[in-house]
PDB file of N, CA and C in Angstrom:
ATOM      1  N   MET A   1      86.897 -89.446 -96.592  1.00  0.00           N
ATOM      2  CA  MET A   1      87.828 -88.394 -96.918  1.00  0.00           C
ATOM      3  C   MET A   1      87.297 -87.614 -98.107  1.00  0.00           C
ATOM      4  N   ARG A   2      87.344 -86.317 -98.001  1.00  0.00           N
ATOM      5  CA  ARG A   2      86.853 -85.460 -99.078  1.00  0.00           C
ATOM      6  C   ARG A   2      88.022 -84.660 -99.633  1.00  0.00           C
ATOM      7  N   LEU A   3      88.246 -84.798-100.923  1.00  0.00           N
ATOM      8  CA  LEU A   3      89.342 -84.091-101.574  1.00  0.00           C
ATOM      9  C   LEU A   3      88.826 -82.815-102.210  1.00  0.00           C
ATOM     10  N   GLY A   4      89.691 -81.830-102.317  1.00  0.00           N
ATOM     11  CA  GLY A   4      89.309 -80.576-102.947  1.00  0.00           C
ATOM     12  C   GLY A   4      89.211 -80.715-104.453  1.00  0.00           C
ATOM     13  N   GLY A   5      88.516 -79.800-105.072  1.00  0.00           N
ATOM     14  CA  GLY A   5      88.371 -79.811-106.522  1.00  0.00           C
ATOM     15  C   GLY A   5      89.512 -79.061-107.182  1.00  0.00           C
ATOM     16  N   ILE A   6      89.307 -78.697-108.421  1.00  0.00           N
ATOM     17  CA  ILE A   6      90.291 -77.907-109.143  1.00  0.00           C
ATOM     18  C   ILE A   6      89.998 -76.449-108.823  1.00  0.00           C
ATOM     19  N   SER A   7      90.942 -75.784-108.181  1.00  0.00           N
ATOM     20  CA  SER A   7      90.721 -74.385-107.811  1.00  0.00           C
ATOM     21  C   SER A   7      91.046 -73.485-108.995  1.00  0.00           C
ATOM     22  N   GLY A   8      90.716 -72.225-108.862  1.00  0.00           N
ATOM     23  CA  GLY A   8      91.016 -71.249-109.906  1.00  0.00           C
ATOM     24  C   GLY A   8      92.454 -70.754-109.849  1.00  0.00           C
ATOM     25  N   ALA A   9      93.190 -71.207-108.838  1.00  0.00           N
ATOM     26  CA  ALA A   9      94.583 -70.782-108.695  1.00  0.00           C
ATOM     27  C   ALA A   9      95.464 -71.572-109.653  1.00  0.00           C
ATOM     28  N   GLY A  10      96.594 -71.027-109.989  1.00  0.00           N
ATOM     29  CA  GLY A  10      97.546 -71.746-110.826  1.00  0.00           C
ATOM     30  C   GLY A  10      97.341 -71.483-112.304  1.00  0.00           C
ATOM     31  N   ASN A  11      97.951 -72.306-113.099  1.00  0.00           N
ATOM     32  CA  ASN A  11      97.980 -72.134-114.538  1.00  0.00           C
ATOM     33  C   ASN A  11      96.671 -72.598-115.180  1.00  0.00           C
ATOM     34  N   ALA A  12      95.982 -71.687-115.862  1.00  0.00           N
ATOM     35  CA  ALA A  12      94.701 -72.009-116.492  1.00  0.00           C
ATOM     36  C   ALA A  12      94.861 -73.041-117.603  1.00  0.00           C
ATOM     37  N   LEU A  13      95.959 -72.981-118.333  1.00  0.00           N
ATOM     38  CA  LEU A  13      96.187 -73.939-119.408  1.00  0.00           C
ATOM     39  C   LEU A  13      96.352 -75.352-118.859  1.00  0.00           C
ATOM     40  N   VAL A  14      97.037 -75.486-117.735  1.00  0.00           N
ATOM     41  CA  VAL A  14      97.214 -76.805-117.118  1.00  0.00           C
ATOM     42  C   VAL A  14      95.865 -77.354-116.672  1.00  0.00           C
ATOM     43  N   ARG A  15      95.021 -76.508-116.065  1.00  0.00           N
ATOM     44  CA  ARG A  15      93.683 -76.957-115.659  1.00  0.00           C
ATOM     45  C   ARG A  15      92.881 -77.406-116.867  1.00  0.00           C
ATOM     46  N   LYS A  16      92.934 -76.616-117.934  1.00  0.00           N
ATOM     47  CA  LYS A  16      92.185 -76.955-119.141  1.00  0.00           C
ATOM     48  C   LYS A  16      92.677 -78.278-119.726  1.00  0.00           C
ATOM     49  N   LEU A  17      93.992 -78.465-119.780  1.00  0.00           N
ATOM     50  CA  LEU A  17      94.546 -79.714-120.305  1.00  0.00           C
ATOM     51  C   LEU A  17      94.149 -80.904-119.441  1.00  0.00           C
ATOM     52  N   ALA A  18      94.097 -80.714-118.128  1.00  0.00           N
ATOM     53  CA  ALA A  18      93.693 -81.808-117.229  1.00  0.00           C
ATOM     54  C   ALA A  18      92.248 -82.210-117.483  1.00  0.00           C
ATOM     55  N   VAL A  19      91.371 -81.221-117.646  1.00  0.00           N
ATOM     56  CA  VAL A  19      89.955 -81.517-117.897  1.00  0.00           C
ATOM     57  C   VAL A  19      89.783 -82.164-119.268  1.00  0.00           C
ATOM     58  N   GLU A  20      90.445 -81.630-120.292  1.00  0.00           N
ATOM     59  CA  GLU A  20      90.356 -82.230-121.632  1.00  0.00           C
ATOM     60  C   GLU A  20      90.929 -83.644-121.629  1.00  0.00           C
ATOM     61  N   GLY A  21      92.041 -83.824-120.921  1.00  0.00           N
ATOM     62  CA  GLY A  21      92.635 -85.154-120.819  1.00  0.00           C
ATOM     63  C   GLY A  21      91.712 -86.132-120.125  1.00  0.00           C
ATOM     64  N   SER A  22      90.973 -85.649-119.152  1.00  0.00           N
ATOM     65  CA  SER A  22      90.031 -86.498-118.438  1.00  0.00           C
ATOM     66  C   SER A  22      88.888 -86.951-119.352  1.00  0.00           C
ATOM     67  N   TRP A  23      88.399 -86.048-120.212  1.00  0.00           N
ATOM     68  CA  TRP A  23      87.360 -86.440-121.177  1.00  0.00           C
ATOM     69  C   TRP A  23      87.897 -87.522-122.104  1.00  0.00           C
ATOM     70  N   CYS A  24      89.118 -87.348-122.589  1.00  0.00           N
ATOM     71  CA  CYS A  24      89.720 -88.353-123.487  1.00  0.00           C
ATOM     72  C   CYS A  24      89.945 -89.664-122.754  1.00  0.00           C
ATOM     73  N   TYR A  25      90.379 -89.578-121.515  1.00  0.00           N
ATOM     74  CA  TYR A  25      90.633 -90.768-120.706  1.00  0.00           C
ATOM     75  C   TYR A  25      89.346 -91.563-120.512  1.00  0.00           C
ATOM     76  N   ALA A  26      88.241 -90.852-120.241  1.00  0.00           N
ATOM     77  CA  ALA A  26      86.962 -91.521-120.013  1.00  0.00           C
ATOM     78  C   ALA A  26      86.434 -92.167-121.293  1.00  0.00           C
ATOM     79  N   ALA A  27      86.729 -91.563-122.439  1.00  0.00           N
ATOM     80  CA  ALA A  27      86.204 -92.076-123.710  1.00  0.00           C
ATOM     81  C   ALA A  27      87.040 -93.229-124.272  1.00  0.00           C
ATOM     82  N   ALA A  28      88.264 -93.382-123.784  1.00  0.00           N
ATOM     83  CA  ALA A  28      89.165 -94.411-124.328  1.00  0.00           C
ATOM     84  C   ALA A  28      88.709 -95.803-123.893  1.00  0.00           C
ATOM     85  N   ARG A  29      89.073 -96.782-124.702  1.00  0.00           N
ATOM     86  CA  ARG A  29      88.837 -98.169-124.304  1.00  0.00           C
ATOM     87  C   ARG A  29      89.942 -98.559-123.340  1.00  0.00           C
ATOM     88  N   HIS A  30      89.549 -99.153-122.243  1.00  0.00           N
ATOM     89  CA  HIS A  30      90.535 -99.494-121.219  1.00  0.00           C
ATOM     90  C   HIS A  30      90.668-101.001-121.129  1.00  0.00           C
ATOM     91  N   GLN A  31      91.789-101.473-121.588  1.00  0.00           N
ATOM     92  CA  GLN A  31      92.134-102.882-121.490  1.00  0.00           C
ATOM     93  C   GLN A  31      93.264-103.000-120.481  1.00  0.00           C
ATOM     94  N   PRO A  32      93.045-103.740-119.386  1.00  0.00           N
ATOM     95  CA  PRO A  32      94.125-103.858-118.408  1.00  0.00           C
ATOM     96  C   PRO A  32      95.351-104.536-119.017  1.00  0.00           C
ATOM     97  N   LYS A  33      96.467-103.882-118.913  1.00  0.00           N
ATOM     98  CA  LYS A  33      97.728-104.459-119.374  1.00  0.00           C
ATOM     99  C   LYS A  33      98.866-103.798-118.619  1.00  0.00           C
ATOM    100  N   LEU A  34      99.923-104.525-118.517  1.00  0.00           N
ATOM    101  CA  LEU A  34     101.106-103.988-117.855  1.00  0.00           C
ATOM    102  C   LEU A  34     102.069-103.445-118.892  1.00  0.00           C
ATOM    103  N   MET A  35     102.846-102.468-118.465  1.00  0.00           N
ATOM    104  CA  MET A  35     103.902-101.942-119.306  1.00  0.00           C
ATOM    105  C   MET A  35     104.928-103.062-119.532  1.00  0.00           C
ATOM    106  N   PRO A  36     105.503-103.151-120.712  1.00  0.00           N
ATOM    107  CA  PRO A  36     106.523-104.187-120.954  1.00  0.00           C
ATOM    108  C   PRO A  36     107.647-104.119-119.930  1.00  0.00           C
ATOM    109  N   ARG A  37     108.210-105.258-119.615  1.00  0.00           N
ATOM    110  CA  ARG A  37     109.243-105.344-118.570  1.00  0.00           C
ATOM    111  C   ARG A  37     110.529-104.614-118.931  1.00  0.00           C
ATOM    112  N   ASP A  38     110.844-104.519-120.190  1.00  0.00           N
ATOM    113  CA  ASP A  38     112.137-103.955-120.589  1.00  0.00           C
ATOM    114  C   ASP A  38     112.174-102.435-120.632  1.00  0.00           C
ATOM    115  N   THR A  39     111.202-101.762-120.033  1.00  0.00           N
ATOM    116  CA  THR A  39     111.172-100.300-120.039  1.00  0.00           C
ATOM    117  C   THR A  39     112.039 -99.690-118.947  1.00  0.00           C
ATOM    118  N   GLY A  40     112.426-100.481-117.966  1.00  0.00           N
ATOM    119  CA  GLY A  40     113.224 -99.959-116.858  1.00  0.00           C
ATOM    120  C   GLY A  40     112.378 -99.377-115.740  1.00  0.00           C
ATOM    121  N   VAL A  41     111.053 -99.418-115.866  1.00  0.00           N
ATOM    122  CA  VAL A  41     110.169 -98.917-114.819  1.00  0.00           C
ATOM    123  C   VAL A  41     109.921-100.063-113.829  1.00  0.00           C
ATOM    124  N   PRO A  42     110.175 -99.838-112.534  1.00  0.00           N
ATOM    125  CA  PRO A  42     109.989-100.906-111.551  1.00  0.00           C
ATOM    126  C   PRO A  42     108.548-101.417-111.504  1.00  0.00           C
ATOM    127  N   LEU A  43     108.408-102.690-111.163  1.00  0.00           N
ATOM    128  CA  LEU A  43     107.096-103.328-111.106  1.00  0.00           C
ATOM    129  C   LEU A  43     106.159-102.584-110.163  1.00  0.00           C
ATOM    130  N   GLU A  44     106.665-102.113-109.020  1.00  0.00           N
ATOM    131  CA  GLU A  44     105.830-101.393-108.053  1.00  0.00           C
ATOM    132  C   GLU A  44     105.158-100.174-108.696  1.00  0.00           C
ATOM    133  N   ILE A  45     105.897 -99.448-109.486  1.00  0.00           N
ATOM    134  CA  ILE A  45     105.352 -98.248-110.140  1.00  0.00           C
ATOM    135  C   ILE A  45     104.363 -98.649-111.234  1.00  0.00           C
ATOM    136  N   ARG A  46     104.678 -99.696-111.989  1.00  0.00           N
ATOM    137  CA  ARG A  46     103.744-100.168-113.030  1.00  0.00           C
ATOM    138  C   ARG A  46     102.423-100.619-112.416  1.00  0.00           C
ATOM    139  N   MET A  47     102.495-101.333-111.304  1.00  0.00           N
ATOM    140  CA  MET A  47     101.277-101.806-110.642  1.00  0.00           C
ATOM    141  C   MET A  47     100.486-100.639-110.050  1.00  0.00           C
ATOM    142  N   HIS A  48     101.194 -99.638-109.500  1.00  0.00           N
ATOM    143  CA  HIS A  48     100.520 -98.456-108.968  1.00  0.00           C
ATOM    144  C   HIS A  48      99.766 -97.734-110.099  1.00  0.00           C
ATOM    145  N   GLY A  49     100.377 -97.655-111.254  1.00  0.00           N
ATOM    146  CA  GLY A  49      99.722 -97.036-112.400  1.00  0.00           C
ATOM    147  C   GLY A  49      98.477 -97.783-112.817  1.00  0.00           C
ATOM    148  N   ARG A  50      98.562 -99.092-112.838  1.00  0.00           N
ATOM    149  CA  ARG A  50      97.406 -99.903-113.240  1.00  0.00           C
ATOM    150  C   ARG A  50      96.265 -99.757-112.240  1.00  0.00           C
ATOM    151  N   LYS A  51      96.582 -99.841-110.951  1.00  0.00           N
ATOM    152  CA  LYS A  51      95.542 -99.707-109.926  1.00  0.00           C
ATOM    153  C   LYS A  51      94.902 -98.324-109.975  1.00  0.00           C
ATOM    154  N   GLY A  52      95.727 -97.305-110.196  1.00  0.00           N
ATOM    155  CA  GLY A  52      95.201 -95.945-110.276  1.00  0.00           C
ATOM    156  C   GLY A  52      94.257 -95.770-111.444  1.00  0.00           C
ATOM    157  N   SER A  53      94.590 -96.367-112.555  1.00  0.00           N
ATOM    158  CA  SER A  53      93.738 -96.288-113.734  1.00  0.00           C
ATOM    159  C   SER A  53      92.377 -96.916-113.465  1.00  0.00           C
ATOM    160  N   GLU A  54      92.392 -98.087-112.865  1.00  0.00           N
ATOM    161  CA  GLU A  54      91.138 -98.767-112.538  1.00  0.00           C
ATOM    162  C   GLU A  54      90.323 -97.957-111.542  1.00  0.00           C
ATOM    163  N   ARG A  55      91.002 -97.372-110.533  1.00  0.00           N
ATOM    164  CA  ARG A  55      90.306 -96.584-109.522  1.00  0.00           C
ATOM    165  C   ARG A  55      89.651 -95.343-110.130  1.00  0.00           C
ATOM    166  N   LEU A  56      90.368 -94.668-111.035  1.00  0.00           N
ATOM    167  CA  LEU A  56      89.808 -93.470-111.661  1.00  0.00           C
ATOM    168  C   LEU A  56      88.519 -93.791-112.412  1.00  0.00           C
ATOM    169  N   LEU A  57      88.542 -94.853-113.182  1.00  0.00           N
ATOM    170  CA  LEU A  57      87.353 -95.216-113.943  1.00  0.00           C
ATOM    171  C   LEU A  57      86.203 -95.615-113.026  1.00  0.00           C
ATOM    172  N   ARG A  58      86.510 -96.376-111.978  1.00  0.00           N
ATOM    173  CA  ARG A  58      85.477 -96.809-111.038  1.00  0.00           C
ATOM    174  C   ARG A  58      84.853 -95.611-110.323  1.00  0.00           C
ATOM    175  N   ARG A  59      85.696 -94.675-109.865  1.00  0.00           N
ATOM    176  CA  ARG A  59      85.156 -93.497-109.171  1.00  0.00           C
ATOM    177  C   ARG A  59      84.282 -92.651-110.088  1.00  0.00           C
ATOM    178  N   ARG A  60      84.699 -92.500-111.339  1.00  0.00           N
ATOM    179  CA  ARG A  60      83.917 -91.716-112.293  1.00  0.00           C
ATOM    180  C   ARG A  60      82.554 -92.359-112.524  1.00  0.00           C
ATOM    181  N   GLU A  61      82.547 -93.685-112.686  1.00  0.00           N
ATOM    182  CA  GLU A  61      81.284 -94.402-112.881  1.00  0.00           C
ATOM    183  C   GLU A  61      80.385 -94.280-111.658  1.00  0.00           C
ATOM    184  N   GLU A  62      80.966 -94.318-110.454  1.00  0.00           N
ATOM    185  CA  GLU A  62      80.179 -94.153-109.233  1.00  0.00           C
ATOM    186  C   GLU A  62      79.539 -92.766-109.180  1.00  0.00           C
ATOM    187  N   MET A  63      80.294 -91.743-109.552  1.00  0.00           N
ATOM    188  CA  MET A  63      79.748 -90.384-109.543  1.00  0.00           C
ATOM    189  C   MET A  63      78.592 -90.260-110.531  1.00  0.00           C
ATOM    190  N   LEU A  64      78.760 -90.823-111.716  1.00  0.00           N
ATOM    191  CA  LEU A  64      77.696 -90.766-112.711  1.00  0.00           C
ATOM    192  C   LEU A  64      76.476 -91.557-112.260  1.00  0.00           C
ATOM    193  N   ALA A  65      76.695 -92.695-111.603  1.00  0.00           N
ATOM    194  CA  ALA A  65      75.584 -93.515-111.114  1.00  0.00           C
ATOM    195  C   ALA A  65      74.793 -92.791-110.027  1.00  0.00           C
ATOM    196  N   ARG A  66      75.460 -91.932-109.248  1.00  0.00           N
ATOM    197  CA  ARG A  66      74.769 -91.149-108.217  1.00  0.00           C
ATOM    198  C   ARG A  66      73.987 -89.982-108.805  1.00  0.00           C
ATOM    199  N   GLY A  67      74.111 -89.762-110.108  1.00  0.00           N
ATOM    200  CA  GLY A  67      73.377 -88.681-110.746  1.00  0.00           C
ATOM    201  C   GLY A  67      74.154 -87.396-110.913  1.00  0.00           C
ATOM    202  N   MET A  68      75.446 -87.426-110.683  1.00  0.00           N
ATOM    203  CA  MET A  68      76.269 -86.234-110.852  1.00  0.00           C
ATOM    204  C   MET A  68      76.346 -85.900-112.347  1.00  0.00           C
ATOM    205  N   PRO A  69      76.214 -84.636-112.716  1.00  0.00           N
ATOM    206  CA  PRO A  69      76.344 -84.266-114.127  1.00  0.00           C
ATOM    207  C   PRO A  69      77.709 -84.681-114.674  1.00  0.00           C
ATOM    208  N   ALA A  70      77.732 -85.074-115.939  1.00  0.00           N
ATOM    209  CA  ALA A  70      78.956 -85.593-116.554  1.00  0.00           C
ATOM    210  C   ALA A  70      80.105 -84.578-116.486  1.00  0.00           C
ATOM    211  N   ALA A  71      79.809 -83.300-116.689  1.00  0.00           N
ATOM    212  CA  ALA A  71      80.867 -82.286-116.668  1.00  0.00           C
ATOM    213  C   ALA A  71      81.489 -82.174-115.278  1.00  0.00           C
ATOM    214  N   LYS A  72      80.671 -82.252-114.250  1.00  0.00           N
ATOM    215  CA  LYS A  72      81.180 -82.163-112.878  1.00  0.00           C
ATOM    216  C   LYS A  72      81.981 -83.416-112.524  1.00  0.00           C
ATOM    217  N   ALA A  73      81.490 -84.581-112.927  1.00  0.00           N
ATOM    218  CA  ALA A  73      82.217 -85.836-112.687  1.00  0.00           C
ATOM    219  C   ALA A  73      83.549 -85.808-113.427  1.00  0.00           C
ATOM    220  N   ASN A  74      83.556 -85.236-114.608  1.00  0.00           N
ATOM    221  CA  ASN A  74      84.789 -85.156-115.381  1.00  0.00           C
ATOM    222  C   ASN A  74      85.802 -84.239-114.716  1.00  0.00           C
ATOM    223  N   THR A  75      85.357 -83.127-114.185  1.00  0.00           N
ATOM    224  CA  THR A  75      86.268 -82.208-113.505  1.00  0.00           C
ATOM    225  C   THR A  75      86.843 -82.861-112.255  1.00  0.00           C
ATOM    226  N   ALA A  76      86.011 -83.601-111.517  1.00  0.00           N
ATOM    227  CA  ALA A  76      86.496 -84.319-110.340  1.00  0.00           C
ATOM    228  C   ALA A  76      87.506 -85.390-110.761  1.00  0.00           C
ATOM    229  N   THR A  77      87.243 -86.051-111.879  1.00  0.00           N
ATOM    230  CA  THR A  77      88.174 -87.055-112.390  1.00  0.00           C
ATOM    231  C   THR A  77      89.488 -86.393-112.794  1.00  0.00           C
ATOM    232  N   ALA A  78      89.417 -85.205-113.377  1.00  0.00           N
ATOM    233  CA  ALA A  78      90.630 -84.481-113.775  1.00  0.00           C
ATOM    234  C   ALA A  78      91.474 -84.146-112.556  1.00  0.00           C
ATOM    235  N   ALA A  79      90.838 -83.704-111.473  1.00  0.00           N
ATOM    236  CA  ALA A  79      91.574 -83.381-110.249  1.00  0.00           C
ATOM    237  C   ALA A  79      92.250 -84.634-109.699  1.00  0.00           C
ATOM    238  N   GLU A  80      91.524 -85.746-109.706  1.00  0.00           N
ATOM    239  CA  GLU A  80      92.091 -87.007-109.226  1.00  0.00           C
ATOM    240  C   GLU A  80      93.216 -87.479-110.139  1.00  0.00           C
ATOM    241  N   LEU A  81      93.051 -87.290-111.444  1.00  0.00           N
ATOM    242  CA  LEU A  81      94.071 -87.675-112.414  1.00  0.00           C
ATOM    243  C   LEU A  81      95.373 -86.913-112.167  1.00  0.00           C
ATOM    244  N   VAL A  82      95.275 -85.629-111.882  1.00  0.00           N
ATOM    245  CA  VAL A  82      96.468 -84.815-111.618  1.00  0.00           C
ATOM    246  C   VAL A  82      97.156 -85.295-110.341  1.00  0.00           C
ATOM    247  N   ARG A  83      96.376 -85.588-109.288  1.00  0.00           N
ATOM    248  CA  ARG A  83      96.970 -86.088-108.046  1.00  0.00           C
ATOM    249  C   ARG A  83      97.657 -87.432-108.274  1.00  0.00           C
ATOM    250  N   TRP A  84      97.032 -88.292-109.067  1.00  0.00           N
ATOM    251  CA  TRP A  84      97.583 -89.612-109.369  1.00  0.00           C
ATOM    252  C   TRP A  84      98.895 -89.489-110.151  1.00  0.00           C
ATOM    253  N   LEU A  85      98.910 -88.617-111.146  1.00  0.00           N
ATOM    254  CA  LEU A  85     100.132 -88.416-111.923  1.00  0.00           C
ATOM    255  C   LEU A  85     101.253 -87.845-111.061  1.00  0.00           C
ATOM    256  N   TRP A  86     100.911 -86.949-110.146  1.00  0.00           N
ATOM    257  CA  TRP A  86     101.905 -86.393-109.240  1.00  0.00           C
ATOM    258  C   TRP A  86     102.504 -87.512-108.382  1.00  0.00           C
ATOM    259  N   ALA A  87     101.648 -88.401-107.861  1.00  0.00           N
ATOM    260  CA  ALA A  87     102.124 -89.512-107.030  1.00  0.00           C
ATOM    261  C   ALA A  87     103.037 -90.437-107.830  1.00  0.00           C
ATOM    262  N   LEU A  88     102.678 -90.723-109.074  1.00  0.00           N
ATOM    263  CA  LEU A  88     103.530 -91.559-109.929  1.00  0.00           C
ATOM    264  C   LEU A  88     104.879 -90.889-110.154  1.00  0.00           C
ATOM    265  N   GLY A  89     104.855 -89.583-110.407  1.00  0.00           N
ATOM    266  CA  GLY A  89     106.108 -88.850-110.595  1.00  0.00           C
ATOM    267  C   GLY A  89     106.983 -88.887-109.373  1.00  0.00           C
ATOM    268  N   MET A  90     106.382 -88.770-108.182  1.00  0.00           N
ATOM    269  CA  MET A  90     107.156 -88.813-106.941  1.00  0.00           C
ATOM    270  C   MET A  90     107.756 -90.202-106.742  1.00  0.00           C
ATOM    271  N   MET A  91     107.003 -91.252-107.107  1.00  0.00           N
ATOM    272  CA  MET A  91     107.531 -92.613-106.985  1.00  0.00           C
ATOM    273  C   MET A  91     108.727 -92.797-107.921  1.00  0.00           C
ATOM    274  N   CYS A  92     108.613 -92.267-109.131  1.00  0.00           N
ATOM    275  CA  CYS A  92     109.721 -92.386-110.087  1.00  0.00           C
ATOM    276  C   CYS A  92     110.946 -91.621-109.590  1.00  0.00           C
ATOM    277  N   ARG A  93     110.714 -90.443-109.017  1.00  0.00           N
ATOM    278  CA  ARG A  93     111.824 -89.623-108.518  1.00  0.00           C
ATOM    279  C   ARG A  93     112.539 -90.351-107.384  1.00  0.00           C
ATOM    280  N   GLU A  94     111.759 -90.928-106.457  1.00  0.00           N
ATOM    281  CA  GLU A  94     112.355 -91.643-105.328  1.00  0.00           C
ATOM    282  C   GLU A  94     113.115 -92.879-105.811  1.00  0.00           C
ATOM    283  N   GLY A  95     112.599 -93.528-106.859  1.00  0.00           N
ATOM    284  CA  GLY A  95     113.262 -94.704-107.401  1.00  0.00           C
ATOM    285  C   GLY A  95     114.572 -94.368-108.087  1.00  0.00           C
ATOM    286  N   ALA A  96     114.688 -93.145-108.613  1.00  0.00           N
ATOM    287  CA  ALA A  96     115.890 -92.730-109.322  1.00  0.00           C
ATOM    288  C   ALA A  96     117.002 -92.300-108.369  1.00  0.00           C
ATOM    289  N   GLU A  97     116.630 -91.948-107.150  1.00  0.00           N
ATOM    290  CA  GLU A  97     117.641 -91.454-106.190  1.00  0.00           C
ATOM    291  C   GLU A  97     118.369 -92.581-105.511  1.00  0.00           C
TER     292      GLU A  97
END
């Protein structure tokens, strides 16, 4: 399956924030941990978040290992990050209804 990249359509500030956020995300230390239980967020959503985080880092490392330039890998990671956040938001919305 091939996903589309970040298009030029839409809000430029949102695209810029997604790319900048992706650089910060890649540079952060990632220690697997679950959100505390008393937050009111269902376990299914917490686990989806954890798996998504691991997947994003793994995909980025795979792209870099294939020789993709860091800036291009970062933009692809930003697009995936936005899709992942959208999915988490939809799960939260469905859980609230």
